[in-house]
Amino acid sequence: MIRCLTRERRLLMKCCASLSATSIKMISIEATPQLTLVDEKVKVILHGLEPGSKVTLRSQLDEMKMKFEAHAHYKADDKGAISLTENSSLGGSYTGIEPMGMFWSMQPSPGQRPGLRYSKKDVTTPMDITLSVYKGHINMDVLDSVQPLAKTLVQKTYMGPNVERQKVHQGRIRGMLYKPKGPGPFPGIIDMFGTAGGILEFRSALLASRGFVSYSLPFFAFEDLPDTLDNIQLEYFEEAIDWLLSQNFVLPGGVGTVGVSTGGELALLLATYFPDKVKAAVSINGSTAHMTPGLCYKGVDFPMQEFVL
């Protein structure tokens, strides 16, 4: 009798274990590739969900006390899967089919200061973005109080593995140079930003990852450069162009310029005054007229277009 009960118990336990193995699914988030350049797409697929179930997908970035996130509401298909390239978001930070919605729609997390903008300071390290999935359709302000069903990590970087970074401290010019590994020659670019001053390197790092030599050129509020924009000489930029063209890994014949805001104005100005050296110019949100006070060349101030309000 005892032997019979024991055998029945074993059969019951084996049956339950088999039932559990077939009924319990492992929920997971598949992100491929998990390490990419910032301008490359990531394919995101959720597996193991109950068919037709509602879930919330969330992305989070926490870096240097800056926190950003996005969330979207999805419904699993009849196989218990969600593909961001095929399934529509029903609400949240964006709606519709958006394969990269989890990344481009990120905004400051609740509690962050208003107007906070993300700017990558250390381009030698990737951005660590956590993707999490939650049961049901949940709003951003309560997500922290709910346990996720699954998580995964995606890393986005500006600086590829085949890029070299070197500091520039030559004559009067300062900054950081990014170049692809190898002798080249590669096309050269002067990269500038605006009135915030200092140096921002993320665009140069990405350009070098795409085959350019990019010189991130600060022009005030950096090391021993002037503290303000009040006395900026065009000779400084001319010296930077000449130095870049003198490098044997840079294609001869001319360089390009790219800039944002005041940097965009300077990009156009350099192409205008040094057409034999600057062969292409890209201005991003820059003025098409000279609007920066205190800029001069060979001791002569540039005439400035005044604001008319």
C-alpha atoms as a PDB file:
ATOM      1  CA  MET A   1       0.000   0.000   0.000  1.00  0.00           C
ATOM      2  CA  ILE A   2       2.782   2.437   0.941  1.00  0.00           C
ATOM      3  CA  ARG A   3       4.709   1.435  -2.169  1.00  0.00           C
ATOM      4  CA  CYS A   4       1.604   2.093  -4.310  1.00  0.00           C
ATOM      5  CA  LEU A   5       1.055   5.569  -2.798  1.00  0.00           C
ATOM      6  CA  THR A   6       4.685   6.425  -3.290  1.00  0.00           C
ATOM      7  CA  ARG A   7       4.532   5.382  -6.916  1.00  0.00           C
ATOM      8  CA  GLU A   8       1.329   7.396  -7.457  1.00  0.00           C
ATOM      9  CA  ARG A   9       2.943  10.459  -5.834  1.00  0.00           C
ATOM     10  CA  ARG A  10       5.943  10.159  -8.111  1.00  0.00           C
ATOM     11  CA  LEU A  11       3.716   9.897 -11.160  1.00  0.00           C
ATOM     12  CA  LEU A  12       1.720  12.949  -9.989  1.00  0.00           C
ATOM     13  CA  MET A  13       4.867  15.011  -9.383  1.00  0.00           C
ATOM     14  CA  LYS A  14       6.236  14.023 -12.794  1.00  0.00           C
ATOM     15  CA  CYS A  15       2.954  15.011 -14.413  1.00  0.00           C
ATOM     16  CA  CYS A  16       2.911  18.399 -12.622  1.00  0.00           C
ATOM     17  CA  ALA A  17       6.516  19.089 -13.575  1.00  0.00           C
ATOM     18  CA  SER A  18       5.749  18.301 -17.212  1.00  0.00           C
ATOM     19  CA  LEU A  19       2.650  20.520 -17.120  1.00  0.00           C
ATOM     20  CA  SER A  20       4.610  23.397 -15.566  1.00  0.00           C
ATOM     21  CA  ALA A  21       7.352  23.124 -18.152  1.00  0.00           C
ATOM     22  CA  THR A  22       4.856  23.443 -20.991  1.00  0.00           C
ATOM     23  CA  SER A  23       2.634  26.155 -19.448  1.00  0.00           C
ATOM     24  CA  ILE A  24       5.228  28.525 -17.960  1.00  0.00           C
ATOM     25  CA  LYS A  25       6.969  30.620 -20.596  1.00  0.00           C
ATOM     26  CA  MET A  26      10.168  32.557 -20.135  1.00  0.00           C
ATOM     27  CA  ILE A  27       9.520  36.217 -20.958  1.00  0.00           C
ATOM     28  CA  SER A  28      12.514  37.876 -22.599  1.00  0.00           C
ATOM     29  CA  ILE A  29      13.537  40.976 -24.557  1.00  0.00           C
ATOM     30  CA  GLU A  30      15.728  40.349 -27.586  1.00  0.00           C
ATOM     31  CA  ALA A  31      17.719  43.386 -28.756  1.00  0.00           C
ATOM     32  CA  THR A  32      20.087  42.902 -31.697  1.00  0.00           C
ATOM     33  CA  PRO A  33      22.734  44.077 -31.909  1.00  0.00           C
ATOM     34  CA  GLN A  34      23.204  45.013 -28.270  1.00  0.00           C
ATOM     35  CA  LEU A  35      26.199  47.270 -28.979  1.00  0.00           C
ATOM     36  CA  THR A  36      25.906  49.695 -31.917  1.00  0.00           C
ATOM     37  CA  LEU A  37      26.834  53.171 -33.042  1.00  0.00           C
ATOM     38  CA  VAL A  38      24.221  55.773 -32.123  1.00  0.00           C
ATOM     39  CA  ASP A  39      23.028  56.107 -35.722  1.00  0.00           C
ATOM     40  CA  GLU A  40      22.462  52.378 -36.219  1.00  0.00           C
ATOM     41  CA  LYS A  41      19.146  50.605 -35.754  1.00  0.00           C
ATOM     42  CA  VAL A  42      18.436  48.034 -33.045  1.00  0.00           C
ATOM     43  CA  LYS A  43      15.851  45.314 -33.627  1.00  0.00           C
ATOM     44  CA  VAL A  44      13.722  44.769 -30.503  1.00  0.00           C
ATOM     45  CA  ILE A  45      11.465  41.709 -30.079  1.00  0.00           C
ATOM     46  CA  LEU A  46       9.623  40.513 -26.955  1.00  0.00           C
ATOM     47  CA  HIS A  47       9.107  36.769 -26.500  1.00  0.00           C
ATOM     48  CA  GLY A  48       7.159  34.529 -24.137  1.00  0.00           C
ATOM     49  CA  LEU A  49       4.150  36.769 -23.460  1.00  0.00           C
ATOM     50  CA  GLU A  50       0.591  35.536 -23.188  1.00  0.00           C
ATOM     51  CA  PRO A  51      -1.110  35.860 -26.579  1.00  0.00           C
ATOM     52  CA  GLY A  52      -3.126  39.090 -26.706  1.00  0.00           C
ATOM     53  CA  SER A  53      -1.742  40.360 -23.394  1.00  0.00           C
ATOM     54  CA  LYS A  54      -1.140  44.070 -22.807  1.00  0.00           C
ATOM     55  CA  VAL A  55       2.339  45.197 -21.755  1.00  0.00           C
ATOM     56  CA  THR A  56       4.360  48.379 -21.322  1.00  0.00           C
ATOM     57  CA  LEU A  57       7.863  48.602 -22.766  1.00  0.00           C
ATOM     58  CA  ARG A  58      10.227  51.086 -21.139  1.00  0.00           C
ATOM     59  CA  SER A  59      13.683  52.471 -21.940  1.00  0.00           C
ATOM     60  CA  GLN A  60      15.913  54.167 -19.346  1.00  0.00           C
ATOM     61  CA  LEU A  61      19.210  56.044 -19.495  1.00  0.00           C
ATOM     62  CA  ASP A  62      20.945  57.080 -16.260  1.00  0.00           C
ATOM     63  CA  GLU A  63      24.230  58.922 -16.749  1.00  0.00           C
ATOM     64  CA  MET A  64      26.029  61.561 -14.654  1.00  0.00           C
ATOM     65  CA  LYS A  65      22.884  62.182 -12.576  1.00  0.00           C
ATOM     66  CA  MET A  66      20.875  62.748 -15.777  1.00  0.00           C
ATOM     67  CA  LYS A  67      17.911  60.418 -16.216  1.00  0.00           C
ATOM     68  CA  PHE A  68      15.898  59.967 -19.398  1.00  0.00           C
ATOM     69  CA  GLU A  69      13.254  57.469 -20.393  1.00  0.00           C
ATOM     70  CA  ALA A  70      10.446  56.513 -22.754  1.00  0.00           C
ATOM     71  CA  HIS A  71       7.551  54.067 -22.561  1.00  0.00           C
ATOM     72  CA  ALA A  72       5.054  52.560 -24.980  1.00  0.00           C
ATOM     73  CA  HIS A  73       1.958  50.374 -24.727  1.00  0.00           C
ATOM     74  CA  TYR A  74       1.816  47.212 -26.825  1.00  0.00           C
ATOM     75  CA  LYS A  75      -0.391  44.162 -27.294  1.00  0.00           C
ATOM     76  CA  ALA A  76       1.173  40.737 -27.897  1.00  0.00           C
ATOM     77  CA  ASP A  77       0.290  38.840 -31.059  1.00  0.00           C
ATOM     78  CA  ASP A  78      -1.269  35.366 -31.155  1.00  0.00           C
ATOM     79  CA  LYS A  79       2.171  33.833 -30.625  1.00  0.00           C
ATOM     80  CA  GLY A  80       2.913  35.904 -27.534  1.00  0.00           C
ATOM     81  CA  ALA A  81       5.480  38.088 -29.281  1.00  0.00           C
ATOM     82  CA  ILE A  82       5.907  41.796 -29.997  1.00  0.00           C
ATOM     83  CA  SER A  83       8.233  43.146 -32.681  1.00  0.00           C
ATOM     84  CA  LEU A  84       8.824  46.885 -32.757  1.00  0.00           C
ATOM     85  CA  THR A  85       9.299  46.667 -36.531  1.00  0.00           C
ATOM     86  CA  GLU A  86       5.851  45.102 -37.009  1.00  0.00           C
ATOM     87  CA  ASN A  87       3.608  45.989 -34.054  1.00  0.00           C
ATOM     88  CA  SER A  88       2.128  49.416 -33.315  1.00  0.00           C
ATOM     89  CA  SER A  89       2.457  51.258 -30.049  1.00  0.00           C
ATOM     90  CA  LEU A  90      -1.030  51.998 -28.730  1.00  0.00           C
ATOM     91  CA  GLY A  91       0.056  54.833 -26.440  1.00  0.00           C
ATOM     92  CA  GLY A  92       2.795  56.262 -24.262  1.00  0.00           C
ATOM     93  CA  SER A  93       5.746  58.303 -25.551  1.00  0.00           C
ATOM     94  CA  TYR A  94       4.801  57.551 -29.174  1.00  0.00           C
ATOM     95  CA  THR A  95       2.191  55.695 -31.214  1.00  0.00           C
ATOM     96  CA  GLY A  96       2.305  53.617 -34.358  1.00  0.00           C
ATOM     97  CA  ILE A  97       5.047  51.392 -35.765  1.00  0.00           C
ATOM     98  CA  GLU A  98       8.361  52.929 -34.652  1.00  0.00           C
ATOM     99  CA  PRO A  99      11.265  50.433 -34.682  1.00  0.00           C
ATOM    100  CA  MET A 100      13.515  52.923 -32.814  1.00  0.00           C
ATOM    101  CA  GLY A 101      10.799  54.645 -30.804  1.00  0.00           C
ATOM    102  CA  MET A 102      12.263  53.490 -27.491  1.00  0.00           C
ATOM    103  CA  PHE A 103      15.377  55.524 -28.255  1.00  0.00           C
ATOM    104  CA  TRP A 104      14.384  58.693 -30.111  1.00  0.00           C
ATOM    105  CA  SER A 105      11.371  59.467 -27.872  1.00  0.00           C
ATOM    106  CA  MET A 106      13.276  59.481 -24.573  1.00  0.00           C
ATOM    107  CA  GLN A 107      12.680  62.548 -22.381  1.00  0.00           C
ATOM    108  CA  PRO A 108      13.752  63.640 -18.877  1.00  0.00           C
ATOM    109  CA  SER A 109      12.436  61.242 -16.239  1.00  0.00           C
ATOM    110  CA  PRO A 110       9.928  62.467 -13.634  1.00  0.00           C
ATOM    111  CA  GLY A 111      11.760  64.594 -11.063  1.00  0.00           C
ATOM    112  CA  GLN A 112      14.497  65.799 -13.455  1.00  0.00           C
ATOM    113  CA  ARG A 113      14.879  69.553 -13.921  1.00  0.00           C
ATOM    114  CA  PRO A 114      12.746  71.116 -16.664  1.00  0.00           C
ATOM    115  CA  GLY A 115      14.503  71.621 -19.985  1.00  0.00           C
ATOM    116  CA  LEU A 116      17.241  69.077 -19.290  1.00  0.00           C
ATOM    117  CA  ARG A 117      19.020  68.090 -22.516  1.00  0.00           C
ATOM    118  CA  TYR A 118      21.211  65.053 -22.964  1.00  0.00           C
ATOM    119  CA  SER A 119      24.744  65.649 -24.178  1.00  0.00           C
ATOM    120  CA  LYS A 120      27.334  62.884 -24.138  1.00  0.00           C
ATOM    121  CA  LYS A 121      30.429  64.140 -22.311  1.00  0.00           C
ATOM    122  CA  ASP A 122      32.684  61.076 -22.301  1.00  0.00           C
ATOM    123  CA  VAL A 123      32.508  59.600 -25.785  1.00  0.00           C
ATOM    124  CA  THR A 124      34.977  56.838 -24.888  1.00  0.00           C
ATOM    125  CA  THR A 125      32.176  55.065 -22.988  1.00  0.00           C
ATOM    126  CA  PRO A 126      28.830  53.882 -24.402  1.00  0.00           C
ATOM    127  CA  MET A 127      25.358  54.952 -23.360  1.00  0.00           C
ATOM    128  CA  ASP A 128      23.804  52.164 -21.283  1.00  0.00           C
ATOM    129  CA  ILE A 129      20.088  51.962 -22.077  1.00  0.00           C
ATOM    130  CA  THR A 130      17.940  49.510 -20.123  1.00  0.00           C
ATOM    131  CA  LEU A 131      14.851  48.051 -21.781  1.00  0.00           C
ATOM    132  CA  SER A 132      12.183  46.659 -19.429  1.00  0.00           C
ATOM    133  CA  VAL A 133       8.743  45.156 -19.971  1.00  0.00           C
ATOM    134  CA  TYR A 134       5.828  45.417 -17.501  1.00  0.00           C
ATOM    135  CA  LYS A 135       2.425  43.744 -17.269  1.00  0.00           C
ATOM    136  CA  GLY A 136      -0.457  45.936 -18.420  1.00  0.00           C
ATOM    137  CA  HIS A 137      -0.564  49.445 -19.821  1.00  0.00           C
ATOM    138  CA  ILE A 138       1.115  51.693 -17.234  1.00  0.00           C
ATOM    139  CA  ASN A 139       1.928  55.395 -17.217  1.00  0.00           C
ATOM    140  CA  MET A 140       5.467  56.687 -16.727  1.00  0.00           C
ATOM    141  CA  ASP A 141       4.846  58.199 -13.293  1.00  0.00           C
ATOM    142  CA  VAL A 142       4.052  54.830 -11.669  1.00  0.00           C
ATOM    143  CA  LEU A 143       6.479  52.519 -13.481  1.00  0.00           C
ATOM    144  CA  ASP A 144       9.056  52.703 -10.679  1.00  0.00           C
ATOM    145  CA  SER A 145       6.571  51.112  -8.269  1.00  0.00           C
ATOM    146  CA  VAL A 146       6.051  48.016 -10.452  1.00  0.00           C
ATOM    147  CA  GLN A 147       8.385  45.057 -10.925  1.00  0.00           C
ATOM    148  CA  PRO A 148       9.346  44.398 -14.559  1.00  0.00           C
ATOM    149  CA  LEU A 149       8.748  41.018 -16.179  1.00  0.00           C
ATOM    150  CA  ALA A 150      12.103  41.102 -17.991  1.00  0.00           C
ATOM    151  CA  LYS A 151      15.057  43.399 -18.709  1.00  0.00           C
ATOM    152  CA  THR A 152      17.942  43.709 -21.142  1.00  0.00           C
ATOM    153  CA  LEU A 153      20.747  46.186 -21.824  1.00  0.00           C
ATOM    154  CA  VAL A 154      21.454  48.033 -25.080  1.00  0.00           C
ATOM    155  CA  GLN A 155      24.651  50.038 -25.530  1.00  0.00           C
ATOM    156  CA  LYS A 156      24.892  52.898 -28.019  1.00  0.00           C
ATOM    157  CA  THR A 157      28.244  54.536 -28.716  1.00  0.00           C
ATOM    158  CA  TYR A 158      29.625  57.461 -30.715  1.00  0.00           C
ATOM    159  CA  MET A 159      33.155  56.123 -30.908  1.00  0.00           C
ATOM    160  CA  GLY A 160      33.659  52.907 -32.835  1.00  0.00           C
ATOM    161  CA  PRO A 161      36.422  50.390 -32.057  1.00  0.00           C
ATOM    162  CA  ASN A 162      38.523  51.491 -35.045  1.00  0.00           C
ATOM    163  CA  VAL A 163      38.783  55.151 -34.017  1.00  0.00           C
ATOM    164  CA  GLU A 164      41.782  56.923 -32.490  1.00  0.00           C
ATOM    165  CA  ARG A 165      41.481  59.983 -30.248  1.00  0.00           C
ATOM    166  CA  GLN A 166      44.286  62.445 -29.641  1.00  0.00           C
ATOM    167  CA  LYS A 167      44.556  65.806 -27.926  1.00  0.00           C
ATOM    168  CA  VAL A 168      45.523  68.862 -29.984  1.00  0.00           C
ATOM    169  CA  HIS A 169      47.745  71.512 -28.376  1.00  0.00           C
ATOM    170  CA  GLN A 170      49.622  73.037 -31.283  1.00  0.00           C
ATOM    171  CA  GLY A 171      50.547  76.712 -31.446  1.00  0.00           C
ATOM    172  CA  ARG A 172      47.390  78.595 -30.549  1.00  0.00           C
ATOM    173  CA  ILE A 173      44.929  75.887 -31.467  1.00  0.00           C
ATOM    174  CA  ARG A 174      43.357  73.456 -29.003  1.00  0.00           C
ATOM    175  CA  GLY A 175      40.888  70.617 -29.124  1.00  0.00           C
ATOM    176  CA  MET A 176      40.542  66.900 -29.818  1.00  0.00           C
ATOM    177  CA  LEU A 177      41.182  64.988 -33.011  1.00  0.00           C
ATOM    178  CA  TYR A 178      39.345  61.815 -34.010  1.00  0.00           C
ATOM    179  CA  LYS A 179      40.514  59.669 -36.911  1.00  0.00           C
ATOM    180  CA  PRO A 180      40.011  56.165 -38.256  1.00  0.00           C
ATOM    181  CA  LYS A 181      42.890  53.827 -37.524  1.00  0.00           C
ATOM    182  CA  GLY A 182      45.364  53.487 -40.344  1.00  0.00           C
ATOM    183  CA  PRO A 183      47.444  55.794 -42.544  1.00  0.00           C
ATOM    184  CA  GLY A 184      44.585  57.123 -44.664  1.00  0.00           C
ATOM    185  CA  PRO A 185      44.368  59.572 -46.221  1.00  0.00           C
ATOM    186  CA  PHE A 186      40.850  60.387 -45.019  1.00  0.00           C
ATOM    187  CA  PRO A 187      38.619  63.411 -45.686  1.00  0.00           C
ATOM    188  CA  GLY A 188      39.061  66.095 -43.018  1.00  0.00           C
ATOM    189  CA  ILE A 189      36.421  68.058 -41.113  1.00  0.00           C
ATOM    190  CA  ILE A 190      36.534  70.996 -38.673  1.00  0.00           C
ATOM    191  CA  ASP A 191      33.738  70.456 -36.110  1.00  0.00           C
ATOM    192  CA  MET A 192      32.440  73.390 -34.013  1.00  0.00           C
ATOM    193  CA  PHE A 193      29.659  74.154 -31.560  1.00  0.00           C
ATOM    194  CA  GLY A 194      28.190  77.403 -30.279  1.00  0.00           C
ATOM    195  CA  THR A 195      27.899  79.920 -27.476  1.00  0.00           C
ATOM    196  CA  ALA A 196      27.971  77.338 -24.689  1.00  0.00           C
ATOM    197  CA  GLY A 197      31.754  77.300 -25.136  1.00  0.00           C
ATOM    198  CA  GLY A 198      34.113  74.537 -24.114  1.00  0.00           C
ATOM    199  CA  ILE A 199      34.343  71.395 -26.201  1.00  0.00           C
ATOM    200  CA  LEU A 200      31.831  68.793 -27.337  1.00  0.00           C
ATOM    201  CA  GLU A 201      33.302  65.728 -28.998  1.00  0.00           C
ATOM    202  CA  PHE A 202      30.428  63.361 -29.755  1.00  0.00           C
ATOM    203  CA  ARG A 203      29.901  64.437 -33.365  1.00  0.00           C
ATOM    204  CA  SER A 204      33.606  64.187 -34.203  1.00  0.00           C
ATOM    205  CA  ALA A 205      33.734  60.716 -32.666  1.00  0.00           C
ATOM    206  CA  LEU A 206      30.819  59.570 -34.809  1.00  0.00           C
ATOM    207  CA  LEU A 207      32.210  61.168 -37.968  1.00  0.00           C
ATOM    208  CA  ALA A 208      35.512  59.349 -37.407  1.00  0.00           C
ATOM    209  CA  SER A 209      33.550  56.126 -36.949  1.00  0.00           C
ATOM    210  CA  ARG A 210      32.193  56.770 -40.449  1.00  0.00           C
ATOM    211  CA  GLY A 211      35.578  57.321 -42.085  1.00  0.00           C
ATOM    212  CA  PHE A 212      36.371  61.015 -41.553  1.00  0.00           C
ATOM    213  CA  VAL A 213      39.181  62.753 -39.713  1.00  0.00           C
ATOM    214  CA  SER A 214      37.245  65.159 -37.512  1.00  0.00           C
ATOM    215  CA  TYR A 215      38.841  67.921 -35.469  1.00  0.00           C
ATOM    216  CA  SER A 216      36.626  69.024 -32.566  1.00  0.00           C
ATOM    217  CA  LEU A 217      37.647  72.683 -32.365  1.00  0.00           C
ATOM    218  CA  PRO A 218      36.776  74.781 -29.299  1.00  0.00           C
ATOM    219  CA  PHE A 219      37.215  78.540 -29.648  1.00  0.00           C
ATOM    220  CA  PHE A 220      36.520  79.902 -26.168  1.00  0.00           C
ATOM    221  CA  ALA A 221      36.050  78.786 -22.555  1.00  0.00           C
ATOM    222  CA  PHE A 222      38.476  75.874 -22.952  1.00  0.00           C
ATOM    223  CA  GLU A 223      41.901  75.553 -21.335  1.00  0.00           C
ATOM    224  CA  ASP A 224      43.866  78.744 -22.098  1.00  0.00           C
ATOM    225  CA  LEU A 225      41.511  80.044 -24.803  1.00  0.00           C
ATOM    226  CA  PRO A 226      39.571  83.294 -24.192  1.00  0.00           C
ATOM    227  CA  ASP A 227      36.850  83.036 -21.570  1.00  0.00           C
ATOM    228  CA  THR A 228      34.247  84.763 -23.725  1.00  0.00           C
ATOM    229  CA  LEU A 229      33.363  85.449 -27.367  1.00  0.00           C
ATOM    230  CA  ASP A 230      34.343  89.109 -27.071  1.00  0.00           C
ATOM    231  CA  ASN A 231      37.660  88.830 -28.928  1.00  0.00           C
ATOM    232  CA  ILE A 232      37.743  85.946 -31.375  1.00  0.00           C
ATOM    233  CA  GLN A 233      40.191  86.122 -34.269  1.00  0.00           C
ATOM    234  CA  LEU A 234      39.564  84.375 -37.565  1.00  0.00           C
ATOM    235  CA  GLU A 235      43.295  83.619 -37.744  1.00  0.00           C
ATOM    236  CA  TYR A 236      42.716  81.011 -35.026  1.00  0.00           C
ATOM    237  CA  PHE A 237      40.403  79.034 -37.317  1.00  0.00           C
ATOM    238  CA  GLU A 238      42.690  79.520 -40.305  1.00  0.00           C
ATOM    239  CA  GLU A 239      45.534  78.058 -38.263  1.00  0.00           C
ATOM    240  CA  ALA A 240      43.345  75.063 -37.375  1.00  0.00           C
ATOM    241  CA  ILE A 241      42.514  74.476 -41.046  1.00  0.00           C
ATOM    242  CA  ASP A 242      46.167  74.723 -42.080  1.00  0.00           C
ATOM    243  CA  TRP A 243      47.238  72.352 -39.308  1.00  0.00           C
ATOM    244  CA  LEU A 244      44.624  69.786 -40.269  1.00  0.00           C
ATOM    245  CA  LEU A 245      45.584  69.951 -43.946  1.00  0.00           C
ATOM    246  CA  SER A 246      49.249  69.473 -43.023  1.00  0.00           C
ATOM    247  CA  GLN A 247      48.575  66.023 -41.548  1.00  0.00           C
ATOM    248  CA  ASN A 248      49.623  63.219 -43.915  1.00  0.00           C
ATOM    249  CA  PHE A 249      46.528  61.163 -42.989  1.00  0.00           C
ATOM    250  CA  VAL A 250      44.185  63.925 -44.298  1.00  0.00           C
ATOM    251  CA  LEU A 251      43.196  64.090 -47.961  1.00  0.00           C
ATOM    252  CA  PRO A 252      44.869  67.096 -49.604  1.00  0.00           C
ATOM    253  CA  GLY A 253      42.967  69.805 -51.439  1.00  0.00           C
ATOM    254  CA  GLY A 254      40.642  71.079 -48.732  1.00  0.00           C
ATOM    255  CA  VAL A 255      38.533  70.243 -45.696  1.00  0.00           C
ATOM    256  CA  GLY A 256      34.896  70.545 -44.696  1.00  0.00           C
ATOM    257  CA  THR A 257      33.405  72.557 -41.841  1.00  0.00           C
ATOM    258  CA  VAL A 258      30.352  71.755 -39.730  1.00  0.00           C
ATOM    259  CA  GLY A 259      28.915  73.729 -36.843  1.00  0.00           C
ATOM    260  CA  VAL A 260      25.878  74.343 -34.669  1.00  0.00           C
ATOM    261  CA  SER A 261      24.528  77.820 -33.860  1.00  0.00           C
ATOM    262  CA  THR A 262      27.541  80.179 -33.742  1.00  0.00           C
ATOM    263  CA  GLY A 263      29.632  77.248 -34.944  1.00  0.00           C
ATOM    264  CA  GLY A 264      27.341  77.031 -37.985  1.00  0.00           C
ATOM    265  CA  GLU A 265      27.853  80.728 -38.679  1.00  0.00           C
ATOM    266  CA  LEU A 266      31.612  80.183 -38.448  1.00  0.00           C
ATOM    267  CA  ALA A 267      31.416  77.164 -40.765  1.00  0.00           C
ATOM    268  CA  LEU A 268      29.905  79.368 -43.487  1.00  0.00           C
ATOM    269  CA  LEU A 269      32.290  82.235 -42.727  1.00  0.00           C
ATOM    270  CA  LEU A 270      35.358  80.019 -43.127  1.00  0.00           C
ATOM    271  CA  ALA A 271      34.085  78.679 -46.445  1.00  0.00           C
ATOM    272  CA  THR A 272      33.554  82.278 -47.598  1.00  0.00           C
ATOM    273  CA  TYR A 273      36.952  83.658 -46.578  1.00  0.00           C
ATOM    274  CA  PHE A 274      39.069  80.579 -47.327  1.00  0.00           C
ATOM    275  CA  PRO A 275      37.446  78.970 -50.396  1.00  0.00           C
ATOM    276  CA  ASP A 276      40.727  77.347 -51.483  1.00  0.00           C
ATOM    277  CA  LYS A 277      40.951  75.493 -48.175  1.00  0.00           C
ATOM    278  CA  VAL A 278      37.289  74.871 -47.220  1.00  0.00           C
ATOM    279  CA  LYS A 279      35.450  72.907 -49.888  1.00  0.00           C
ATOM    280  CA  ALA A 280      32.202  72.118 -48.056  1.00  0.00           C
ATOM    281  CA  ALA A 281      30.277  73.717 -45.192  1.00  0.00           C
ATOM    282  CA  VAL A 282      27.319  72.563 -43.105  1.00  0.00           C
ATOM    283  CA  SER A 283      25.527  75.008 -40.821  1.00  0.00           C
ATOM    284  CA  ILE A 284      23.086  73.544 -38.292  1.00  0.00           C
ATOM    285  CA  ASN A 285      20.777  76.195 -36.852  1.00  0.00           C
ATOM    286  CA  GLY A 286      23.375  78.839 -37.666  1.00  0.00           C
ATOM    287  CA  SER A 287      22.833  82.348 -38.961  1.00  0.00           C
ATOM    288  CA  THR A 288      23.416  83.066 -42.655  1.00  0.00           C
ATOM    289  CA  ALA A 289      24.587  86.579 -41.710  1.00  0.00           C
ATOM    290  CA  HIS A 290      27.353  87.592 -39.333  1.00  0.00           C
ATOM    291  CA  MET A 291      25.745  87.878 -35.879  1.00  0.00           C
ATOM    292  CA  THR A 292      28.688  87.228 -33.514  1.00  0.00           C
ATOM    293  CA  PRO A 293      30.168  90.364 -31.896  1.00  0.00           C
ATOM    294  CA  GLY A 294      33.919  90.779 -31.406  1.00  0.00           C
ATOM    295  CA  LEU A 295      35.033  88.655 -34.360  1.00  0.00           C
ATOM    296  CA  CYS A 296      37.889  90.087 -36.432  1.00  0.00           C
ATOM    297  CA  TYR A 297      40.434  89.167 -39.110  1.00  0.00           C
ATOM    298  CA  LYS A 298      43.861  90.826 -39.433  1.00  0.00           C
ATOM    299  CA  GLY A 299      42.816  93.482 -36.957  1.00  0.00           C
ATOM    300  CA  VAL A 300      39.604  94.424 -38.767  1.00  0.00           C
ATOM    301  CA  ASP A 301      36.255  93.777 -37.085  1.00  0.00           C
ATOM    302  CA  PHE A 302      33.596  92.028 -39.118  1.00  0.00           C
ATOM    303  CA  PRO A 303      30.481  94.138 -39.737  1.00  0.00           C
ATOM    304  CA  MET A 304      27.668  92.593 -37.715  1.00  0.00           C
ATOM    305  CA  GLN A 305      24.054  92.248 -38.746  1.00  0.00           C
ATOM    306  CA  GLU A 306      21.964  93.722 -35.931  1.00  0.00           C
ATOM    307  CA  PHE A 307      18.827  92.085 -34.574  1.00  0.00           C
ATOM    308  CA  VAL A 308      15.575  93.760 -35.600  1.00  0.00           C
ATOM    309  CA  LEU A 309      12.716  92.910 -33.268  1.00  0.00           C
END
